[in-house]
Amino acid sequence: MFIMQALQKVHAAPGLEVREVPPPARPGSGEVLIRVDATGICGTDVHIAEWTPGYEFMAPAMPVTLGHEFAGTIVEVGSDVGAVEKGSLVTIRPSVVCGRCPACKAGDTDACTNRRGIGVMRNGGFAPLVCVPAGNCVPVPAGLDPAIAALTEPMTVSAEAVDTGEVRDGDRVLVLGPGTIGQGIALFAKAAGASEVVVAGHNDGPRLETLNRLGFENTVDTFGRTLADALAPYLEAGKFDVVIEATGVPAVVQPSLEVLRKRGVLVICGIHPKPASVNLTQLVREHQQIRGSYRAPIATWSRVVAYLAQHAEQVREMISHRVPLSEALAGFELARNKSASKVVVLPQA
């Protein structure tokens, strides 16, 4: 019997394991079998590996193969799969809707209340093969590097954050957090017409250097100083119109508001392990808004795929490391200690 390797969360405790597991069953109705070509290591994956509070809901699904940022080739199809075809390169929307809740029955699948995440509650892309619903497949242009296609999921999160902030022509935008999400936010803010995009990190040299290679010269490292001090040269021109937080660090929320202009918008898209403290009196008097941003609607996916295809050589700079599945744990350490920008696992290598 064919046995494959998979990177799995086995216990409700810190740690991951590369294990030998049986391959997926043949695809059933509405399903396809994907040969996984590339899977990105996400901040969520690192949180799951470290067992950060907030992921206890995963316990009933264990052991479960992680990996929700991936692209691959359809190698087998079940019945009733619609227009998807064997041999197609696709990226995968990781959120599987139930089809039964009131929102799904009304056709508003973006509001499904019973989602199950691929790579979280069902097996994901840190394996050579994975079975997924055909409806979760998003076509990718032939010839696009699968590692670039695997950036689609995090880039949809970035695009949604920029959309939520309603960034428009001439806005001055501050991005907090220079990881993959922050890098994507910078790119989409620029595409939306921002006149200035500043990206701040904390002890984040390698990832800030990636942003420089992406064409963003206005980067600052806040290590050893306050956010306001680090941004002093930029604040001489005034406070920012939009601040987008992608750090997941509660302590940065209030300082973010202090560098945001009156009636400005703060977008929170980082996943925070505990509540943040906010000076609500200041918020009220400054007419500021805090908006949450998370999963992008389905329509955003095709827009992001088109962006990646059009800017493939530029966004390639986001990928700092490519590792085989057998070295995935080392890849996780690179992501955890911030010495990497984006680590992509190649299950077929």
Protein backbone atom coordinates (compact mmCIF):
# COMPACT_ATOMS: atom_id res chain seq x y z
CA MET A 1 0.00 0.00 0.00
CA PHE A 2 1.25 3.48 -0.92
CA ILE A 3 2.20 5.54 2.14
CA MET A 4 2.92 9.25 2.04
CA GLN A 5 4.40 11.77 4.41
CA ALA A 6 2.30 14.52 5.96
CA LEU A 7 2.99 17.29 8.45
CA GLN A 8 0.36 16.88 11.16
CA LYS A 9 -0.90 18.34 14.39
CA VAL A 10 -1.27 15.25 16.55
CA HIS A 11 -1.80 16.51 20.09
CA ALA A 12 -3.42 19.54 21.75
CA ALA A 13 0.00 20.75 22.87
CA PRO A 14 3.03 22.46 21.32
CA GLY A 15 4.65 20.61 18.43
CA LEU A 16 4.08 19.09 14.98
CA GLU A 17 5.08 15.74 13.49
CA VAL A 18 6.04 14.60 10.00
CA ARG A 19 4.24 11.25 9.86
CA GLU A 20 3.62 8.45 7.42
CA VAL A 21 -0.08 8.32 6.56
CA PRO A 22 -2.25 6.57 3.97
CA PRO A 23 -3.19 8.62 0.89
CA PRO A 24 -6.65 10.18 0.62
CA ALA A 25 -9.55 8.04 -0.52
CA ARG A 26 -10.67 8.50 -4.11
CA PRO A 27 -12.70 11.69 -4.56
CA GLY A 28 -16.43 11.37 -4.00
CA SER A 29 -19.24 13.43 -5.42
CA GLY A 30 -18.24 17.08 -5.71
CA GLU A 31 -14.61 16.38 -4.80
CA VAL A 32 -11.25 16.41 -6.57
CA LEU A 33 -7.86 14.95 -5.72
CA ILE A 34 -5.03 17.48 -5.77
CA ARG A 35 -1.33 16.76 -6.30
CA VAL A 36 0.06 19.48 -4.06
CA ASP A 37 2.87 21.41 -5.74
CA ALA A 38 3.53 24.16 -3.17
CA THR A 39 2.25 25.09 0.29
CA GLY A 40 3.13 28.24 2.22
CA ILE A 41 3.84 28.31 5.95
CA CYS A 42 1.47 30.85 7.48
CA GLY A 43 1.50 32.69 10.79
CA THR A 44 -1.59 30.69 11.70
CA ASP A 45 0.38 27.48 11.15
CA VAL A 46 3.09 28.76 13.49
CA HIS A 47 0.47 29.61 16.14
CA ILE A 48 -0.98 26.10 15.80
CA ALA A 49 2.49 24.58 16.11
CA GLU A 50 3.16 26.61 19.27
CA TRP A 51 -0.40 25.91 20.49
CA THR A 52 -1.24 29.56 21.06
CA PRO A 53 -4.52 30.05 22.96
CA GLY A 54 -7.51 30.21 20.63
CA TYR A 55 -6.98 27.00 18.65
CA GLU A 56 -8.47 24.54 21.12
CA PHE A 57 -11.36 23.97 18.71
CA MET A 58 -8.98 21.88 16.56
CA ALA A 59 -8.62 19.08 19.11
CA PRO A 60 -11.49 16.89 17.80
CA ALA A 61 -9.95 16.88 14.30
CA MET A 62 -6.53 15.59 15.38
CA PRO A 63 -4.45 14.11 13.92
CA VAL A 64 -4.92 16.57 11.08
CA THR A 65 -2.61 17.59 8.25
CA LEU A 66 -1.89 21.32 8.30
CA GLY A 67 -1.46 23.66 5.34
CA HIS A 68 -4.09 26.03 3.99
CA GLU A 69 -2.03 28.15 1.57
CA PHE A 70 -1.46 25.83 -1.35
CA ALA A 71 -1.64 25.26 -5.08
CA GLY A 72 -1.55 22.08 -7.07
CA THR A 73 -2.76 20.07 -10.02
CA ILE A 74 -6.06 18.19 -10.21
CA VAL A 75 -5.17 14.54 -10.80
CA GLU A 76 -8.55 12.87 -10.28
CA VAL A 77 -12.15 14.08 -10.20
CA GLY A 78 -15.30 12.68 -8.66
CA SER A 79 -18.79 13.07 -10.02
CA ASP A 80 -20.64 16.40 -10.12
CA VAL A 81 -17.57 18.61 -10.05
CA GLY A 82 -18.79 21.25 -12.45
CA ALA A 83 -16.32 22.94 -14.75
CA VAL A 84 -13.06 21.88 -13.06
CA GLU A 85 -10.93 19.58 -15.18
CA LYS A 86 -8.25 16.99 -14.57
CA GLY A 87 -4.80 18.44 -15.23
CA SER A 88 -5.74 21.99 -14.24
CA LEU A 89 -3.50 24.06 -11.96
CA VAL A 90 -5.56 25.50 -9.12
CA THR A 91 -5.21 27.23 -5.79
CA ILE A 92 -7.58 26.32 -2.99
CA ARG A 93 -9.94 28.44 -0.91
CA PRO A 94 -9.47 26.76 2.49
CA SER A 95 -12.86 27.58 3.97
CA VAL A 96 -15.35 24.76 3.32
CA VAL A 97 -18.96 25.86 3.77
CA CYS A 98 -21.71 23.56 5.01
CA GLY A 99 -24.42 24.19 2.42
CA ARG A 100 -27.09 23.66 5.09
CA CYS A 101 -27.19 26.73 7.33
CA PRO A 102 -29.66 29.57 6.60
CA ALA A 103 -26.93 31.71 5.02
CA CYS A 104 -25.84 28.94 2.65
CA LYS A 105 -29.43 28.13 1.70
CA ALA A 106 -29.96 31.81 0.93
CA GLY A 107 -26.93 31.77 -1.37
CA ASP A 108 -24.77 33.86 0.96
CA THR A 109 -22.01 31.31 1.46
CA ASP A 110 -19.61 34.03 2.68
CA ALA A 111 -21.77 34.14 5.83
CA CYS A 112 -21.79 30.36 6.45
CA THR A 113 -21.91 29.65 10.19
CA ASN A 114 -20.53 26.08 10.02
CA ARG A 115 -17.26 26.45 8.14
CA ARG A 116 -14.51 23.84 8.35
CA GLY A 117 -11.05 24.99 7.42
CA ILE A 118 -8.84 22.91 5.15
CA GLY A 119 -5.53 22.53 6.98
CA VAL A 120 -7.22 23.22 10.31
CA MET A 121 -10.27 21.01 10.76
CA ARG A 122 -9.71 18.75 7.74
CA ASN A 123 -6.53 17.60 6.03
CA GLY A 124 -4.58 20.26 4.19
CA GLY A 125 -1.67 20.85 1.88
CA PHE A 126 1.44 19.77 3.81
CA ALA A 127 1.24 16.42 2.01
CA PRO A 128 1.73 15.21 -1.58
CA LEU A 129 -2.01 14.60 -2.06
CA VAL A 130 -5.19 16.08 -0.63
CA CYS A 131 -8.87 15.70 -1.43
CA VAL A 132 -10.89 18.95 -1.51
CA PRO A 133 -14.32 20.13 -2.65
CA ALA A 134 -14.29 21.07 -6.33
CA GLY A 135 -16.07 24.30 -5.45
CA ASN A 136 -13.04 25.42 -3.46
CA CYS A 137 -10.73 25.27 -6.48
CA VAL A 138 -9.76 28.57 -8.10
CA PRO A 139 -8.20 28.30 -11.59
CA VAL A 140 -4.64 29.54 -11.99
CA PRO A 141 -3.14 30.56 -15.36
CA ALA A 142 -1.10 27.76 -16.92
CA GLY A 143 2.61 28.29 -16.46
CA LEU A 144 2.36 30.34 -13.26
CA ASP A 145 4.87 29.12 -10.67
CA PRO A 146 2.81 27.07 -8.14
CA ALA A 147 4.78 28.69 -5.31
CA ILE A 148 3.50 32.08 -6.45
CA ALA A 149 -0.02 30.66 -6.86
CA ALA A 150 0.23 29.44 -3.25
CA LEU A 151 0.46 33.09 -2.19
CA THR A 152 -3.16 33.63 -3.25
CA GLU A 153 -4.79 32.87 0.11
CA PRO A 154 -2.69 35.28 2.21
CA MET A 155 -2.87 37.88 -0.54
CA THR A 156 -6.67 37.74 -0.45
CA VAL A 157 -6.44 38.56 3.26
CA SER A 158 -4.22 41.52 2.35
CA ALA A 159 -6.60 42.70 -0.36
CA GLU A 160 -9.56 42.48 2.03
CA ALA A 161 -7.72 44.57 4.62
CA VAL A 162 -7.07 47.31 2.06
CA ASP A 163 -10.69 47.13 0.89
CA THR A 164 -11.89 47.33 4.51
CA GLY A 165 -9.76 50.44 5.06
CA GLU A 166 -11.23 51.98 1.91
CA VAL A 167 -7.78 53.10 0.82
CA ARG A 168 -8.13 55.59 -2.00
CA ASP A 169 -6.04 57.88 -4.21
CA GLY A 170 -3.70 60.09 -2.22
CA ASP A 171 -4.05 58.32 1.14
CA ARG A 172 -1.03 57.98 3.38
CA VAL A 173 -1.04 54.41 4.70
CA LEU A 174 0.88 52.83 7.58
CA VAL A 175 1.22 49.05 7.61
CA LEU A 176 2.19 47.43 10.90
CA GLY A 177 3.80 44.03 10.43
CA PRO A 178 6.13 43.22 7.51
CA GLY A 179 5.20 39.55 7.14
CA THR A 180 3.46 38.10 4.09
CA ILE A 181 0.12 39.72 4.97
CA GLY A 182 1.77 43.09 5.56
CA GLN A 183 3.74 42.82 2.33
CA GLY A 184 0.54 42.08 0.44
CA ILE A 185 -1.21 45.00 2.15
CA ALA A 186 1.57 47.31 1.01
CA LEU A 187 1.24 46.08 -2.57
CA PHE A 188 -2.54 46.43 -2.68
CA ALA A 189 -2.48 49.82 -0.92
CA LYS A 190 -0.12 51.06 -3.61
CA ALA A 191 -2.37 49.58 -6.30
CA ALA A 192 -5.34 51.39 -4.69
CA GLY A 193 -3.59 54.72 -5.21
CA ALA A 194 -1.94 55.42 -1.85
CA SER A 195 0.48 58.31 -2.19
CA GLU A 196 2.72 56.95 0.59
CA VAL A 197 3.02 53.51 2.13
CA VAL A 198 5.15 53.11 5.25
CA VAL A 199 5.74 49.65 6.74
CA ALA A 200 6.89 49.15 10.33
CA GLY A 201 8.29 46.01 11.93
CA HIS A 202 9.90 45.08 15.23
CA ASN A 203 13.31 43.42 15.02
CA ASP A 204 12.30 42.43 11.49
CA GLY A 205 15.37 43.06 9.36
CA PRO A 206 14.99 40.23 6.80
CA ARG A 207 11.31 40.90 6.14
CA LEU A 208 11.82 44.65 5.88
CA GLU A 209 14.57 43.93 3.35
CA THR A 210 12.03 41.89 1.37
CA LEU A 211 9.78 44.95 1.28
CA ASN A 212 12.67 47.02 0.01
CA ARG A 213 13.13 44.51 -2.83
CA LEU A 214 9.40 44.78 -3.53
CA GLY A 215 9.91 48.49 -4.12
CA PHE A 216 8.96 49.95 -0.72
CA GLU A 217 11.68 52.26 0.54
CA ASN A 218 9.74 53.65 3.52
CA THR A 219 10.36 50.91 6.09
CA VAL A 220 11.15 51.33 9.78
CA ASP A 221 12.14 48.98 12.59
CA THR A 222 10.70 49.93 15.97
CA PHE A 223 13.12 47.79 17.97
CA GLY A 224 14.31 49.79 20.99
CA ARG A 225 11.97 52.76 20.43
CA THR A 226 8.31 53.65 20.43
CA LEU A 227 6.19 53.56 17.30
CA ALA A 228 5.80 57.34 17.35
CA ASP A 229 9.56 57.84 17.69
CA ALA A 230 10.28 55.44 14.85
CA LEU A 231 7.77 57.22 12.62
CA ALA A 232 8.83 60.76 13.56
CA PRO A 233 10.19 61.67 10.08
CA TYR A 234 6.91 60.64 8.47
CA LEU A 235 4.69 62.27 11.09
CA GLU A 236 6.20 65.65 10.22
CA ALA A 237 3.87 65.56 7.20
CA GLY A 238 0.91 64.69 9.43
CA LYS A 239 -0.69 61.58 10.82
CA PHE A 240 -1.75 58.69 8.60
CA ASP A 241 -5.11 58.43 6.85
CA VAL A 242 -5.28 54.65 7.24
CA VAL A 243 -3.34 52.33 9.56
CA ILE A 244 -3.54 48.59 8.92
CA GLU A 245 -2.36 46.31 11.72
CA ALA A 246 -1.06 42.85 10.76
CA THR A 247 1.06 41.97 13.78
CA GLY A 248 -1.30 40.15 16.13
CA VAL A 249 0.34 42.05 19.01
CA PRO A 250 -2.29 43.71 21.27
CA ALA A 251 0.19 46.29 22.58
CA VAL A 252 0.43 47.99 19.18
CA VAL A 253 -3.28 48.88 18.92
CA GLN A 254 -3.30 52.02 21.07
CA PRO A 255 -0.02 53.37 19.60
CA SER A 256 -1.58 52.81 16.16
CA LEU A 257 -4.44 55.13 17.05
CA GLU A 258 -2.01 57.77 18.25
CA VAL A 259 -0.43 58.05 14.77
CA LEU A 260 -3.81 57.99 12.97
CA ARG A 261 -5.36 61.26 11.87
CA LYS A 262 -8.69 62.58 13.03
CA ARG A 263 -11.50 60.58 11.35
CA GLY A 264 -8.92 58.07 10.20
CA VAL A 265 -9.46 54.32 9.97
CA LEU A 266 -7.54 51.62 11.83
CA VAL A 267 -7.94 48.16 10.31
CA ILE A 268 -7.14 45.16 12.50
CA CYS A 269 -6.35 41.98 10.59
CA GLY A 270 -3.85 40.37 12.97
CA ILE A 271 -5.07 37.48 15.12
CA HIS A 272 -4.57 38.53 18.74
CA PRO A 273 -4.06 36.04 21.60
CA LYS A 274 -5.61 38.38 24.17
CA PRO A 275 -7.66 41.60 24.34
CA ALA A 276 -6.10 44.97 23.53
CA SER A 277 -6.39 48.11 25.62
CA VAL A 278 -7.83 51.16 23.82
CA ASN A 279 -8.29 54.74 25.00
CA LEU A 280 -11.95 55.09 23.99
CA THR A 281 -12.19 58.71 25.05
CA GLN A 282 -9.42 59.61 22.63
CA LEU A 283 -11.06 57.46 19.95
CA VAL A 284 -14.38 59.28 20.37
CA ARG A 285 -12.90 62.75 20.39
CA GLU A 286 -10.82 62.00 17.31
CA HIS A 287 -13.80 60.46 15.44
CA GLN A 288 -11.57 57.47 14.62
CA GLN A 289 -12.83 54.09 13.48
CA ILE A 290 -11.55 50.59 14.22
CA ARG A 291 -12.57 47.98 11.68
CA GLY A 292 -11.92 44.25 11.74
CA SER A 293 -10.87 42.43 8.57
CA TYR A 294 -10.51 38.71 8.10
CA ARG A 295 -11.56 36.38 5.27
CA ALA A 296 -12.01 37.78 1.77
CA PRO A 297 -15.21 37.14 -0.20
CA ILE A 298 -15.09 34.65 -3.03
CA ALA A 299 -15.05 37.36 -5.68
CA THR A 300 -11.69 38.64 -4.42
CA TRP A 301 -9.88 35.42 -5.26
CA SER A 302 -9.94 35.78 -9.05
CA ARG A 303 -8.81 39.41 -8.72
CA VAL A 304 -5.84 38.35 -6.60
CA VAL A 305 -4.89 35.50 -8.95
CA ALA A 306 -4.89 37.98 -11.82
CA TYR A 307 -2.68 40.36 -9.80
CA LEU A 308 -0.19 37.60 -9.01
CA ALA A 309 0.00 36.53 -12.65
CA GLN A 310 0.52 40.12 -13.79
CA HIS A 311 3.19 40.86 -11.15
CA ALA A 312 4.77 37.40 -10.89
CA GLU A 313 8.38 38.52 -11.00
CA GLN A 314 7.82 41.18 -8.36
CA VAL A 315 5.90 38.99 -5.90
CA ARG A 316 8.47 36.21 -6.34
CA GLU A 317 10.61 38.34 -4.03
CA MET A 318 8.20 37.50 -1.19
CA ILE A 319 9.37 33.87 -1.21
CA SER A 320 12.64 33.60 0.67
CA HIS A 321 12.87 29.83 1.20
CA ARG A 322 11.65 26.68 -0.55
CA VAL A 323 12.04 23.44 1.41
CA PRO A 324 11.00 19.81 0.83
CA LEU A 325 8.33 18.31 3.05
CA SER A 326 10.97 16.29 4.88
CA GLU A 327 12.48 19.61 6.08
CA ALA A 328 9.18 21.31 6.91
CA LEU A 329 9.92 21.53 10.63
CA ALA A 330 13.10 23.45 9.86
CA GLY A 331 11.01 25.70 7.64
CA PHE A 332 8.65 26.35 10.55
CA GLU A 333 11.59 27.43 12.69
CA LEU A 334 12.66 29.91 10.00
CA ALA A 335 9.14 31.34 9.98
CA ARG A 336 8.90 31.39 13.78
CA ASN A 337 12.12 33.28 14.40
CA LYS A 338 11.41 35.77 11.57
CA SER A 339 14.65 34.99 9.76
CA ALA A 340 12.57 34.15 6.67
CA SER A 341 10.07 36.16 4.67
CA LYS A 342 7.88 33.42 3.15
CA VAL A 343 8.73 29.74 3.45
CA VAL A 344 7.14 27.47 0.86
CA VAL A 345 7.06 23.70 1.32
CA LEU A 346 7.36 21.57 -1.82
CA PRO A 347 5.67 18.22 -1.06
CA GLN A 348 6.79 16.65 -4.34
CA ALA A 349 10.49 17.50 -3.85
